[in-house]
C-alpha atoms as a PDB file:
ATOM      1  CA  MET A   1     -20.439  -6.339  -6.132  1.00  0.00           C
ATOM      2  CA  THR A   2     -19.834  -4.645  -3.043  1.00  0.00           C
ATOM      3  CA  ALA A   3     -16.291  -2.841  -2.183  1.00  0.00           C
ATOM      4  CA  GLY A   4     -14.597  -1.922   1.210  1.00  0.00           C
ATOM      5  CA  ILE A   5     -11.305  -1.052   2.108  1.00  0.00           C
ATOM      6  CA  ILE A   6      -8.774  -2.883   4.560  1.00  0.00           C
ATOM      7  CA  TYR A   7      -6.524  -0.275   6.436  1.00  0.00           C
ATOM      8  CA  TYR A   8      -3.366  -1.805   7.937  1.00  0.00           C
ATOM      9  CA  THR A   9      -0.849  -0.128  10.331  1.00  0.00           C
ATOM     10  CA  ASP A  10       1.978   0.000  13.061  1.00  0.00           C
ATOM     11  CA  ASN A  11       0.591   3.379  14.396  1.00  0.00           C
ATOM     12  CA  ARG A  12       4.123   4.847  14.308  1.00  0.00           C
ATOM     13  CA  LEU A  13       3.239   7.498  11.589  1.00  0.00           C
ATOM     14  CA  ARG A  14       3.600  11.063  13.166  1.00  0.00           C
ATOM     15  CA  GLU A  15       0.766  13.861  12.749  1.00  0.00           C
ATOM     16  CA  PRO A  16      -0.629  15.841  11.094  1.00  0.00           C
ATOM     17  CA  TYR A  17       0.260  12.723   8.153  1.00  0.00           C
ATOM     18  CA  TYR A  18      -1.551   9.848  10.303  1.00  0.00           C
ATOM     19  CA  SER A  19      -4.940  11.723  10.885  1.00  0.00           C
ATOM     20  CA  LEU A  20      -5.098  13.256   7.399  1.00  0.00           C
ATOM     21  CA  ALA A  21      -4.381   9.783   5.501  1.00  0.00           C
ATOM     22  CA  GLN A  22      -7.373   8.947   7.726  1.00  0.00           C
ATOM     23  CA  GLN A  23     -10.128  11.643   6.749  1.00  0.00           C
ATOM     24  CA  TYR A  24      -9.118  10.894   2.963  1.00  0.00           C
ATOM     25  CA  ILE A  25      -9.868   7.651   3.302  1.00  0.00           C
ATOM     26  CA  LEU A  26     -13.448   8.356   5.300  1.00  0.00           C
ATOM     27  CA  CYS A  27     -14.193  10.264   2.425  1.00  0.00           C
ATOM     28  CA  SER A  28     -14.469   7.273  -0.076  1.00  0.00           C
ATOM     29  CA  GLY A  29     -17.742   6.368   2.356  1.00  0.00           C
ATOM     30  CA  LEU A  30     -16.979   3.041   1.612  1.00  0.00           C
ATOM     31  CA  PRO A  31     -16.997   0.065   5.043  1.00  0.00           C
ATOM     32  CA  ILE A  32     -13.290  -0.283   6.677  1.00  0.00           C
ATOM     33  CA  SER A  33     -11.652  -2.849   8.132  1.00  0.00           C
ATOM     34  CA  SER A  34      -8.664  -2.166  10.132  1.00  0.00           C
ATOM     35  CA  CYS A  35      -5.853  -3.718  11.973  1.00  0.00           C
ATOM     36  CA  SER A  36      -2.855  -2.076  14.371  1.00  0.00           C
ATOM     37  CA  LEU A  37      -1.106  -2.627  16.814  1.00  0.00           C
ATOM     38  CA  LYS A  38      -2.783  -0.549  19.442  1.00  0.00           C
ATOM     39  CA  SER A  39      -6.391   0.378  19.527  1.00  0.00           C
ATOM     40  CA  ILE A  40      -7.699   2.953  17.055  1.00  0.00           C
ATOM     41  CA  ASN A  41     -11.295   4.408  16.687  1.00  0.00           C
ATOM     42  CA  PHE A  42     -10.647   3.595  12.278  1.00  0.00           C
ATOM     43  CA  GLY A  43     -13.771   1.445  10.858  1.00  0.00           C
ATOM     44  CA  LYS A  44     -14.455  -2.340  12.338  1.00  0.00           C
ATOM     45  CA  ASN A  45     -11.076  -2.340  14.157  1.00  0.00           C
ATOM     46  CA  VAL A  46      -8.703  -5.210  15.206  1.00  0.00           C
ATOM     47  CA  VAL A  47      -5.535  -5.162  17.609  1.00  0.00           C
ATOM     48  CA  ILE A  48      -3.230  -7.833  17.198  1.00  0.00           C
ATOM     49  CA  ASP A  49       0.020  -8.443  19.494  1.00  0.00           C
ATOM     50  CA  GLY A  50       3.638  -7.947  17.716  1.00  0.00           C
ATOM     51  CA  ILE A  51       5.616  -5.783  16.759  1.00  0.00           C
ATOM     52  CA  ARG A  52       6.535  -3.869  13.391  1.00  0.00           C
ATOM     53  CA  SER A  53       8.028  -6.484  11.056  1.00  0.00           C
ATOM     54  CA  TYR A  54       6.903  -8.044   7.793  1.00  0.00           C
ATOM     55  CA  PRO A  55       5.198 -11.188   9.500  1.00  0.00           C
ATOM     56  CA  THR A  56       3.152  -8.645  11.577  1.00  0.00           C
ATOM     57  CA  MET A  57       2.130  -6.874   8.469  1.00  0.00           C
ATOM     58  CA  LEU A  58       0.958 -10.357   6.641  1.00  0.00           C
ATOM     59  CA  ARG A  59      -1.036 -11.219  10.040  1.00  0.00           C
ATOM     60  CA  GLN A  60      -2.482  -7.756  10.021  1.00  0.00           C
ATOM     61  CA  ILE A  61      -3.030  -8.295   6.195  1.00  0.00           C
ATOM     62  CA  VAL A  62      -4.989 -11.389   6.747  1.00  0.00           C
ATOM     63  CA  THR A  63      -6.796 -10.332   9.781  1.00  0.00           C
ATOM     64  CA  ALA A  64      -8.358  -7.101   7.975  1.00  0.00           C
ATOM     65  CA  LEU A  65      -9.550  -9.462   4.947  1.00  0.00           C
ATOM     66  CA  GLU A  66     -11.129 -12.311   7.339  1.00  0.00           C
ATOM     67  CA  ASN A  67     -13.131  -9.188   8.844  1.00  0.00           C
ATOM     68  CA  SER A  68     -14.243  -7.507   5.843  1.00  0.00           C
ATOM     69  CA  GLU A  69     -17.848  -8.242   4.481  1.00  0.00           C
ATOM     70  CA  ALA A  70     -16.816  -6.570   0.695  1.00  0.00           C
ATOM     71  CA  ASP A  71     -16.180  -8.883  -2.868  1.00  0.00           C
ATOM     72  CA  PHE A  72     -13.607  -6.480  -3.252  1.00  0.00           C
ATOM     73  CA  VAL A  73     -11.576  -4.256  -1.185  1.00  0.00           C
ATOM     74  CA  PHE A  74      -8.908  -1.343  -1.791  1.00  0.00           C
ATOM     75  CA  PHE A  75      -5.696  -1.819   0.822  1.00  0.00           C
ATOM     76  CA  ALA A  76      -5.323   1.312   1.972  1.00  0.00           C
ATOM     77  CA  GLU A  77      -2.136   1.971   4.506  1.00  0.00           C
ATOM     78  CA  HIS A  78      -1.475   4.825   7.083  1.00  0.00           C
ATOM     79  CA  ASP A  79       1.028   7.105   4.894  1.00  0.00           C
ATOM     80  CA  VAL A  80      -0.816   7.449   1.406  1.00  0.00           C
ATOM     81  CA  LEU A  81      -3.398  10.510   0.956  1.00  0.00           C
ATOM     82  CA  TYR A  82      -5.565   8.376  -1.506  1.00  0.00           C
ATOM     83  CA  HIS A  83      -7.527  10.834  -3.935  1.00  0.00           C
ATOM     84  CA  PHE A  84     -11.126  10.173  -3.641  1.00  0.00           C
ATOM     85  CA  THR A  85     -11.307   9.542  -7.451  1.00  0.00           C
ATOM     86  CA  HIS A  86      -9.140   6.156  -6.408  1.00  0.00           C
ATOM     87  CA  PHE A  87     -12.196   4.491  -5.052  1.00  0.00           C
ATOM     88  CA  ASN A  88     -14.376   4.521  -8.004  1.00  0.00           C
ATOM     89  CA  PHE A  89     -12.056   1.806  -9.593  1.00  0.00           C
ATOM     90  CA  ILE A  90     -14.395  -1.640  -9.915  1.00  0.00           C
ATOM     91  CA  PRO A  91     -12.496  -5.164 -10.660  1.00  0.00           C
ATOM     92  CA  GLN A  92     -13.398  -7.099 -13.827  1.00  0.00           C
ATOM     93  CA  LYS A  93     -11.829 -10.269 -12.615  1.00  0.00           C
ATOM     94  CA  ASP A  94     -11.874 -12.037  -9.730  1.00  0.00           C
ATOM     95  CA  ASN A  95      -8.358 -13.542 -10.062  1.00  0.00           C
ATOM     96  CA  VAL A  96      -6.098 -10.520 -10.975  1.00  0.00           C
ATOM     97  CA  PHE A  97      -4.445  -7.893  -8.859  1.00  0.00           C
ATOM     98  CA  TYR A  98      -5.183  -4.676  -9.761  1.00  0.00           C
ATOM     99  CA  TYR A  99      -3.218  -1.638  -8.773  1.00  0.00           C
ATOM    100  CA  ASN A 100      -3.972   2.209  -9.657  1.00  0.00           C
ATOM    101  CA  LYS A 101      -0.201   3.636 -11.904  1.00  0.00           C
ATOM    102  CA  ASN A 102      -2.021   7.171 -11.493  1.00  0.00           C
ATOM    103  CA  VAL A 103       0.463   7.735  -7.849  1.00  0.00           C
ATOM    104  CA  TYR A 104       3.275   9.818  -6.849  1.00  0.00           C
ATOM    105  CA  ARG A 105       6.316   9.381  -4.204  1.00  0.00           C
ATOM    106  CA  TRP A 106       6.959  12.436  -1.909  1.00  0.00           C
ATOM    107  CA  TRP A 107      10.099  12.545   0.178  1.00  0.00           C
ATOM    108  CA  ILE A 108       8.840  14.772   3.026  1.00  0.00           C
ATOM    109  CA  TYR A 109      11.648  16.949   2.705  1.00  0.00           C
ATOM    110  CA  ASN A 110      11.777  17.781  -0.590  1.00  0.00           C
ATOM    111  CA  ASN A 111       9.596  19.970  -2.682  1.00  0.00           C
ATOM    112  CA  TYR A 112       8.731  17.622  -5.422  1.00  0.00           C
ATOM    113  CA  VAL A 113       7.207  14.208  -6.017  1.00  0.00           C
ATOM    114  CA  ILE A 114       8.434  11.669  -8.223  1.00  0.00           C
ATOM    115  CA  ARG A 115       7.048   8.372 -10.072  1.00  0.00           C
ATOM    116  CA  TYR A 116       8.203   5.929 -12.938  1.00  0.00           C
ATOM    117  CA  ASP A 117       7.689   2.976 -15.014  1.00  0.00           C
ATOM    118  CA  ARG A 118       5.989  -0.018 -12.932  1.00  0.00           C
ATOM    119  CA  MET A 119       5.923   1.775  -9.760  1.00  0.00           C
ATOM    120  CA  LEU A 120       2.907  -0.242  -8.454  1.00  0.00           C
ATOM    121  CA  PRO A 121       2.740   0.059  -4.450  1.00  0.00           C
ATOM    122  CA  LEU A 122       0.660  -2.712  -2.333  1.00  0.00           C
ATOM    123  CA  SER A 123      -1.256   0.678  -1.007  1.00  0.00           C
ATOM    124  CA  CYS A 124      -2.906   1.270  -4.121  1.00  0.00           C
ATOM    125  CA  MET A 125      -4.050  -2.651  -5.054  1.00  0.00           C
ATOM    126  CA  CYS A 126      -7.326  -3.268  -5.312  1.00  0.00           C
ATOM    127  CA  VAL A 127      -8.811  -6.555  -5.616  1.00  0.00           C
ATOM    128  CA  ASN A 128     -11.420  -9.565  -5.232  1.00  0.00           C
ATOM    129  CA  ARG A 129     -11.442 -10.298  -1.133  1.00  0.00           C
ATOM    130  CA  GLN A 130     -11.693 -13.806  -1.617  1.00  0.00           C
ATOM    131  CA  PHE A 131      -8.959 -14.293  -3.957  1.00  0.00           C
ATOM    132  CA  ALA A 132      -6.527 -12.012  -1.626  1.00  0.00           C
ATOM    133  CA  LEU A 133      -7.284 -13.777   1.876  1.00  0.00           C
ATOM    134  CA  GLU A 134      -6.398 -17.641  -0.025  1.00  0.00           C
ATOM    135  CA  HIS A 135      -2.710 -15.566  -1.292  1.00  0.00           C
ATOM    136  CA  TYR A 136      -2.245 -14.305   1.910  1.00  0.00           C
ATOM    137  CA  ARG A 137      -2.881 -16.917   3.941  1.00  0.00           C
ATOM    138  CA  LEU A 138      -0.522 -18.786   1.672  1.00  0.00           C
ATOM    139  CA  ARG A 139       2.044 -16.202   2.042  1.00  0.00           C
ATOM    140  CA  VAL A 140       1.631 -16.439   6.170  1.00  0.00           C
ATOM    141  CA  LYS A 141       1.930 -20.509   5.708  1.00  0.00           C
ATOM    142  CA  LYS A 142       5.259 -20.318   3.250  1.00  0.00           C
ATOM    143  CA  MET A 143       6.675 -17.919   5.862  1.00  0.00           C
ATOM    144  CA  ASN A 144       6.263 -20.390   8.697  1.00  0.00           C
ATOM    145  CA  GLU A 145       7.545 -23.102   7.257  1.00  0.00           C
ATOM    146  CA  TRP A 146      11.001 -20.777   6.393  1.00  0.00           C
ATOM    147  CA  GLY A 147      11.168 -19.623   9.732  1.00  0.00           C
ATOM    148  CA  LEU A 148      10.177 -16.242  10.789  1.00  0.00           C
ATOM    149  CA  ASP A 149      14.091 -15.304  11.480  1.00  0.00           C
ATOM    150  CA  HIS A 150      14.134 -15.025   7.594  1.00  0.00           C
ATOM    151  CA  PHE A 151      11.438 -12.187   7.670  1.00  0.00           C
ATOM    152  CA  ARG A 152      12.247  -9.948  10.311  1.00  0.00           C
ATOM    153  CA  SER A 153      14.097  -7.716   9.479  1.00  0.00           C
ATOM    154  CA  ARG A 154      13.590  -4.249   8.540  1.00  0.00           C
ATOM    155  CA  GLU A 155      13.303  -5.609   4.567  1.00  0.00           C
ATOM    156  CA  PRO A 156      13.427  -8.913   4.760  1.00  0.00           C
ATOM    157  CA  ARG A 157      15.588 -10.254   1.680  1.00  0.00           C
ATOM    158  CA  GLN A 158      13.584 -13.544   1.365  1.00  0.00           C
ATOM    159  CA  ALA A 159      10.199 -10.980   1.153  1.00  0.00           C
ATOM    160  CA  ARG A 160      11.877  -8.803  -1.370  1.00  0.00           C
ATOM    161  CA  ILE A 161      12.483 -11.972  -3.494  1.00  0.00           C
ATOM    162  CA  TRP A 162       9.255 -13.094  -3.569  1.00  0.00           C
ATOM    163  CA  GLY A 163       8.062  -9.486  -4.139  1.00  0.00           C
ATOM    164  CA  TYR A 164       5.921  -7.423  -1.902  1.00  0.00           C
ATOM    165  CA  GLU A 165       3.084  -6.962  -4.945  1.00  0.00           C
ATOM    166  CA  PRO A 166       1.616 -10.243  -5.232  1.00  0.00           C
ATOM    167  CA  GLY A 167       0.831 -10.745  -9.362  1.00  0.00           C
ATOM    168  CA  THR A 168       4.181  -8.783 -10.604  1.00  0.00           C
ATOM    169  CA  LYS A 169       6.300 -11.200 -10.492  1.00  0.00           C
ATOM    170  CA  PRO A 170       6.390 -14.334 -11.815  1.00  0.00           C
ATOM    171  CA  ARG A 171       7.997 -17.922 -10.016  1.00  0.00           C
ATOM    172  CA  ARG A 172      10.506 -18.289 -12.696  1.00  0.00           C
ATOM    173  CA  ARG A 173      12.155 -14.963 -11.270  1.00  0.00           C
ATOM    174  CA  GLY A 174      11.480 -16.200  -8.268  1.00  0.00           C
ATOM    175  CA  GLY A 175       8.673 -14.636  -7.158  1.00  0.00           C
ATOM    176  CA  PHE A 176       6.017 -15.832  -5.072  1.00  0.00           C
ATOM    177  CA  SER A 177       3.118 -17.132  -7.196  1.00  0.00           C
ATOM    178  CA  ASP A 178       2.136 -17.084 -11.045  1.00  0.00           C
ATOM    179  CA  ASP A 179      -0.747 -14.661 -10.139  1.00  0.00           C
ATOM    180  CA  VAL A 180      -1.057 -11.884 -12.679  1.00  0.00           C
ATOM    181  CA  HIS A 181      -1.851  -8.492 -12.195  1.00  0.00           C
ATOM    182  CA  GLU A 182      -3.551  -5.315 -14.486  1.00  0.00           C
ATOM    183  CA  VAL A 183      -3.588  -1.727 -13.820  1.00  0.00           C
ATOM    184  CA  TRP A 184      -5.613   1.241 -13.962  1.00  0.00           C
ATOM    185  CA  SER A 185      -5.398   4.768 -13.637  1.00  0.00           C
ATOM    186  CA  SER A 186      -7.332   7.042 -11.266  1.00  0.00           C
ATOM    187  CA  GLU A 187      -8.369  10.590 -12.753  1.00  0.00           C
ATOM    188  CA  TYR A 188      -6.428  12.459 -10.314  1.00  0.00           C
ATOM    189  CA  PRO A 189      -3.352  10.607  -8.486  1.00  0.00           C
ATOM    190  CA  ASN A 190      -2.590   9.377  -4.951  1.00  0.00           C
ATOM    191  CA  ILE A 191       0.192  10.886  -2.779  1.00  0.00           C
ATOM    192  CA  ASP A 192       2.626   8.013  -1.214  1.00  0.00           C
ATOM    193  CA  ILE A 193       4.354   9.768   1.567  1.00  0.00           C
ATOM    194  CA  ARG A 194       7.432   8.950   1.998  1.00  0.00           C
ATOM    195  CA  HIS A 195       9.459   9.627   5.577  1.00  0.00           C
ATOM    196  CA  THR A 196      12.078   8.577   8.363  1.00  0.00           C
ATOM    197  CA  ARG A 197       9.591   5.443   9.247  1.00  0.00           C
ATOM    198  CA  THR A 198       8.643   3.676   5.791  1.00  0.00           C
ATOM    199  CA  PHE A 199       9.141   0.339   6.137  1.00  0.00           C
ATOM    200  CA  SER A 200      10.925   0.375   3.195  1.00  0.00           C
ATOM    201  CA  SER A 201      13.527   2.535   1.773  1.00  0.00           C
ATOM    202  CA  PRO A 202      12.015   5.644   0.292  1.00  0.00           C
ATOM    203  CA  LYS A 203      13.653   5.812  -3.125  1.00  0.00           C
ATOM    204  CA  VAL A 204      12.589   9.384  -4.015  1.00  0.00           C
ATOM    205  CA  ASN A 205      15.849  10.037  -5.921  1.00  0.00           C
ATOM    206  CA  PRO A 206      17.945   9.001  -9.146  1.00  0.00           C
ATOM    207  CA  TRP A 207      20.839   7.862  -7.102  1.00  0.00           C
ATOM    208  CA  ASP A 208      18.757   5.663  -4.288  1.00  0.00           C
ATOM    209  CA  PHE A 209      18.739   3.272  -7.914  1.00  0.00           C
ATOM    210  CA  ILE A 210      21.123   1.119  -9.231  1.00  0.00           C
ATOM    211  CA  HIS A 211      19.831   0.905 -12.464  1.00  0.00           C
ATOM    212  CA  LEU A 212      17.189   4.375 -13.168  1.00  0.00           C
ATOM    213  CA  PRO A 213      13.707   3.189 -13.954  1.00  0.00           C
ATOM    214  CA  THR A 214      12.575   4.071 -17.024  1.00  0.00           C
ATOM    215  CA  GLY A 215      10.072   6.853 -17.551  1.00  0.00           C
ATOM    216  CA  TRP A 216      10.957   9.024 -14.404  1.00  0.00           C
ATOM    217  CA  GLU A 217       9.226  11.975 -13.960  1.00  0.00           C
ATOM    218  CA  GLN A 218       9.875  14.556 -11.331  1.00  0.00           C
ATOM    219  CA  LYS A 219       6.925  17.482 -10.853  1.00  0.00           C
ATOM    220  CA  SER A 220       6.981  20.119  -8.007  1.00  0.00           C
ATOM    221  CA  LEU A 221       3.901  19.999  -5.468  1.00  0.00           C
ATOM    222  CA  SER A 222       2.415  22.777  -6.912  1.00  0.00           C
ATOM    223  CA  GLU A 223       1.955  21.037 -10.324  1.00  0.00           C
ATOM    224  CA  ILE A 224      -0.303  18.057  -8.997  1.00  0.00           C
ATOM    225  CA  GLU A 225      -3.091  18.104 -10.504  1.00  0.00           C
ATOM    226  CA  GLY A 226      -5.868  17.260  -7.291  1.00  0.00           C
ATOM    227  CA  TRP A 227      -3.684  18.609  -4.739  1.00  0.00           C
ATOM    228  CA  ASP A 228      -2.669  21.404  -3.251  1.00  0.00           C
ATOM    229  CA  LEU A 229       0.111  20.104  -0.448  1.00  0.00           C
ATOM    230  CA  LYS A 230       1.715  23.396   0.172  1.00  0.00           C
ATOM    231  CA  SER A 231      -1.899  24.717   1.853  1.00  0.00           C
ATOM    232  CA  LEU A 232      -2.952  21.274   3.237  1.00  0.00           C
ATOM    233  CA  PHE A 233       0.867  20.945   5.187  1.00  0.00           C
ATOM    234  CA  ASN A 234       1.456  24.752   4.942  1.00  0.00           C
ATOM    235  CA  LEU A 235       4.752  24.486   3.123  1.00  0.00           C
ATOM    236  CA  LYS A 236       6.248  27.485   1.439  1.00  0.00           C
END
């Protein structure tokens, strides 16, 4: 099977995070299908008209999937530092959404990172491309049937009810579909960068949650295996 990357961005992340994230994605050596709101020199790029919103993000994902020729794809976002070991994974099933659970969340103003049980971001997903394309085309269809006004806010309520991460929430709990997910763990973690322009709330402190997630883990920047974030960003 052939592997590829789909990359979608709203072009709003500041430097040096934006360029560094792309550099680490390029280290994978995999073909990249990118979709952006402004032209970028990054893989096979397609620009679409739209404003930063959930409907636009879905259109970008569908466009990137359509323009990829890979059998399976890694979803990649502009504010995640991907360790090269993340891209060593090969999915065994064509009808399962796979998530790399070895990821830390970093609020750029903190000197520590966090993670917890079932922290499975869309940005760390790997899946059969055709399976994902069918799923996201159906999401777009249902979204249009509901009416776009239900999905244009920063964190649209209906999108949260459906769940942003396919396969993690069944229909009986309000989820979009009964697709399933499995997890894997790369040798070294990815770093999910949280900042003031993230699409969803940063949620990097215990008090950001109504109920504290289980398995809460906090590490200083110097304790993250495979990374030296202090040197990378010239932090004290």
